[in-house]
Amino acid sequence: MESIRFHVRKNDIVKVIAGKEKGKSGKILKVLPKKNRVLVEKVNFIKRHSRPTGRTRQGGIIQKEAPIHVSNVLLLCPKCNQGVRTGMRELENGKKNLVCKKCGELIERT
């Protein structure tokens, strides 16, 4: 499986555009480039049954986020307040920055 270059990275705020979690938004916790997936905070919860072991004394059902495909998320524009496609623009100082295709606003990344 070939990995692609993502339009999002860790700590970006994204909106889910497809699947059972459509319409929800959250921060990207982890990027899995080999699987073309991202882990989004408070989106796509699964239940995992765990057995008590030496490390974890108590077993039970654990809820955690599952990865979703990167094609199902869009970067959230702070001005438009919705998921948008993005482009690159070179600034005067020579640095490249992301730009919202809808409103033309620069998207700052942390």
C-alpha atoms as a PDB file:
ATOM      1  CA  MET A   1       0.000   0.000   0.000  1.00  0.00           C
ATOM      2  CA  GLU A   2       1.415   3.351  -1.021  1.00  0.00           C
ATOM      3  CA  SER A   3       1.191   6.266   1.391  1.00  0.00           C
ATOM      4  CA  ILE A   4       0.187   9.709   0.177  1.00  0.00           C
ATOM      5  CA  ARG A   5       1.097  13.225   1.286  1.00  0.00           C
ATOM      6  CA  PHE A   6      -1.612  14.430   3.649  1.00  0.00           C
ATOM      7  CA  HIS A   7      -3.403  17.770   3.600  1.00  0.00           C
ATOM      8  CA  VAL A   8      -3.629  17.640   7.405  1.00  0.00           C
ATOM      9  CA  ARG A   9      -1.164  17.070  10.224  1.00  0.00           C
ATOM     10  CA  LYS A  10      -1.110  16.544  13.977  1.00  0.00           C
ATOM     11  CA  ASN A  11      -2.934  19.192  16.076  1.00  0.00           C
ATOM     12  CA  ASP A  12      -4.983  20.490  13.104  1.00  0.00           C
ATOM     13  CA  ILE A  13      -8.698  21.011  13.696  1.00  0.00           C
ATOM     14  CA  VAL A  14     -10.670  18.988  11.135  1.00  0.00           C
ATOM     15  CA  LYS A  15     -14.266  18.244  10.222  1.00  0.00           C
ATOM     16  CA  VAL A  16     -15.490  14.766   9.255  1.00  0.00           C
ATOM     17  CA  ILE A  17     -17.263  14.863   5.872  1.00  0.00           C
ATOM     18  CA  ALA A  18     -18.251  11.204   5.400  1.00  0.00           C
ATOM     19  CA  GLY A  19     -19.269   8.135   7.371  1.00  0.00           C
ATOM     20  CA  LYS A  20     -21.280   7.622  10.530  1.00  0.00           C
ATOM     21  CA  GLU A  21     -19.473  10.515  12.281  1.00  0.00           C
ATOM     22  CA  LYS A  22     -20.264  13.031   9.503  1.00  0.00           C
ATOM     23  CA  GLY A  23     -20.470  16.626  10.729  1.00  0.00           C
ATOM     24  CA  LYS A  24     -18.338  16.165  13.846  1.00  0.00           C
ATOM     25  CA  SER A  25     -15.086  18.052  14.309  1.00  0.00           C
ATOM     26  CA  GLY A  26     -12.031  17.575  16.482  1.00  0.00           C
ATOM     27  CA  LYS A  27      -8.270  17.837  16.783  1.00  0.00           C
ATOM     28  CA  ILE A  28      -5.990  15.309  15.101  1.00  0.00           C
ATOM     29  CA  LEU A  29      -4.215  13.262  17.763  1.00  0.00           C
ATOM     30  CA  LYS A  30      -2.151  11.006  15.518  1.00  0.00           C
ATOM     31  CA  VAL A  31      -1.380  10.569  11.821  1.00  0.00           C
ATOM     32  CA  LEU A  32      -0.869   7.063  10.407  1.00  0.00           C
ATOM     33  CA  PRO A  33       0.694   7.666   6.955  1.00  0.00           C
ATOM     34  CA  LYS A  34       1.294   4.002   6.062  1.00  0.00           C
ATOM     35  CA  LYS A  35      -2.401   3.240   6.510  1.00  0.00           C
ATOM     36  CA  ASN A  36      -3.684   6.614   5.128  1.00  0.00           C
ATOM     37  CA  ARG A  37      -5.590   7.227   8.366  1.00  0.00           C
ATOM     38  CA  VAL A  38      -5.836   9.825  11.121  1.00  0.00           C
ATOM     39  CA  LEU A  39      -6.955   9.620  14.741  1.00  0.00           C
ATOM     40  CA  VAL A  40      -9.382  12.438  15.574  1.00  0.00           C
ATOM     41  CA  GLU A  41     -10.194  13.471  19.136  1.00  0.00           C
ATOM     42  CA  LYS A  42     -13.718  12.459  20.308  1.00  0.00           C
ATOM     43  CA  VAL A  43     -14.657  10.983  16.913  1.00  0.00           C
ATOM     44  CA  ASN A  44     -15.289   7.347  15.883  1.00  0.00           C
ATOM     45  CA  PHE A  45     -15.362   5.672  19.297  1.00  0.00           C
ATOM     46  CA  ILE A  46     -15.021   1.892  19.542  1.00  0.00           C
ATOM     47  CA  LYS A  47     -15.413  -0.414  22.537  1.00  0.00           C
ATOM     48  CA  ARG A  48     -12.478  -2.645  23.371  1.00  0.00           C
ATOM     49  CA  HIS A  49     -12.835  -5.540  25.784  1.00  0.00           C
ATOM     50  CA  SER A  50      -9.702  -5.969  27.907  1.00  0.00           C
ATOM     51  CA  ARG A  51      -8.691  -8.735  30.236  1.00  0.00           C
ATOM     52  CA  PRO A  52      -7.007  -7.981  33.573  1.00  0.00           C
ATOM     53  CA  THR A  53      -3.226  -8.448  33.336  1.00  0.00           C
ATOM     54  CA  GLY A  54      -0.183  -7.738  35.491  1.00  0.00           C
ATOM     55  CA  ARG A  55      -0.064  -4.096  34.428  1.00  0.00           C
ATOM     56  CA  THR A  56      -3.777  -3.368  34.368  1.00  0.00           C
ATOM     57  CA  ARG A  57      -5.373  -4.885  37.447  1.00  0.00           C
ATOM     58  CA  GLN A  58      -8.922  -4.234  36.300  1.00  0.00           C
ATOM     59  CA  GLY A  59     -10.389  -5.515  33.058  1.00  0.00           C
ATOM     60  CA  GLY A  60     -13.545  -4.325  31.380  1.00  0.00           C
ATOM     61  CA  ILE A  61     -14.794  -2.385  28.404  1.00  0.00           C
ATOM     62  CA  ILE A  62     -12.615   0.521  27.311  1.00  0.00           C
ATOM     63  CA  GLN A  63     -13.873   3.194  24.914  1.00  0.00           C
ATOM     64  CA  LYS A  64     -11.289   4.768  22.609  1.00  0.00           C
ATOM     65  CA  GLU A  65     -11.020   6.548  19.277  1.00  0.00           C
ATOM     66  CA  ALA A  66     -10.441   4.502  16.136  1.00  0.00           C
ATOM     67  CA  PRO A  67      -8.636   5.880  13.074  1.00  0.00           C
ATOM     68  CA  ILE A  68     -10.625   7.149  10.092  1.00  0.00           C
ATOM     69  CA  HIS A  69      -9.471   7.514   6.496  1.00  0.00           C
ATOM     70  CA  VAL A  70      -7.773  10.800   5.667  1.00  0.00           C
ATOM     71  CA  SER A  71     -10.082  11.359   2.676  1.00  0.00           C
ATOM     72  CA  ASN A  72     -13.022  11.635   5.091  1.00  0.00           C
ATOM     73  CA  VAL A  73     -11.691  14.756   6.858  1.00  0.00           C
ATOM     74  CA  LEU A  74     -11.258  18.380   5.780  1.00  0.00           C
ATOM     75  CA  LEU A  75      -9.288  21.132   7.466  1.00  0.00           C
ATOM     76  CA  LEU A  76     -11.515  23.545   9.389  1.00  0.00           C
ATOM     77  CA  CYS A  77     -11.184  27.200   8.306  1.00  0.00           C
ATOM     78  CA  PRO A  78     -11.291  29.584  11.303  1.00  0.00           C
ATOM     79  CA  LYS A  79     -13.083  32.291   9.297  1.00  0.00           C
ATOM     80  CA  CYS A  80     -15.609  30.139   7.363  1.00  0.00           C
ATOM     81  CA  ASN A  81     -16.034  27.803  10.366  1.00  0.00           C
ATOM     82  CA  GLN A  82     -16.509  24.790   8.089  1.00  0.00           C
ATOM     83  CA  GLY A  83     -14.427  22.132   6.387  1.00  0.00           C
ATOM     84  CA  VAL A  84     -12.726  23.560   3.286  1.00  0.00           C
ATOM     85  CA  ARG A  85     -10.280  22.593   0.595  1.00  0.00           C
ATOM     86  CA  THR A  86      -6.917  24.272   0.897  1.00  0.00           C
ATOM     87  CA  GLY A  87      -4.169  25.553  -1.350  1.00  0.00           C
ATOM     88  CA  MET A  88      -0.635  26.854  -0.899  1.00  0.00           C
ATOM     89  CA  ARG A  89       0.415  30.490  -1.183  1.00  0.00           C
ATOM     90  CA  GLU A  90       3.930  31.873  -0.950  1.00  0.00           C
ATOM     91  CA  LEU A  91       4.287  34.887   1.326  1.00  0.00           C
ATOM     92  CA  GLU A  92       6.572  37.895   0.816  1.00  0.00           C
ATOM     93  CA  ASN A  93       9.271  36.439   3.083  1.00  0.00           C
ATOM     94  CA  GLY A  94       9.469  33.254   0.948  1.00  0.00           C
ATOM     95  CA  LYS A  95       7.555  30.959   3.316  1.00  0.00           C
ATOM     96  CA  LYS A  96       4.632  28.884   2.069  1.00  0.00           C
ATOM     97  CA  ASN A  97       1.347  28.907   3.945  1.00  0.00           C
ATOM     98  CA  LEU A  98      -2.046  27.213   3.639  1.00  0.00           C
ATOM     99  CA  VAL A  99      -4.935  29.210   2.212  1.00  0.00           C
ATOM    100  CA  CYS A 100      -8.667  28.535   2.370  1.00  0.00           C
ATOM    101  CA  LYS A 101      -9.987  28.013  -1.180  1.00  0.00           C
ATOM    102  CA  LYS A 102     -13.378  29.421  -0.192  1.00  0.00           C
ATOM    103  CA  CYS A 103     -12.556  32.732   1.494  1.00  0.00           C
ATOM    104  CA  GLY A 104      -8.835  33.191   0.749  1.00  0.00           C
ATOM    105  CA  GLU A 105      -7.932  33.430   4.447  1.00  0.00           C
ATOM    106  CA  LEU A 106      -4.489  32.231   5.601  1.00  0.00           C
ATOM    107  CA  ILE A 107      -4.718  29.182   7.848  1.00  0.00           C
ATOM    108  CA  GLU A 108      -2.231  29.329  10.715  1.00  0.00           C
ATOM    109  CA  ARG A 109      -0.789  26.066  12.023  1.00  0.00           C
ATOM    110  CA  THR A 110       0.650  25.582  15.474  1.00  0.00           C
END
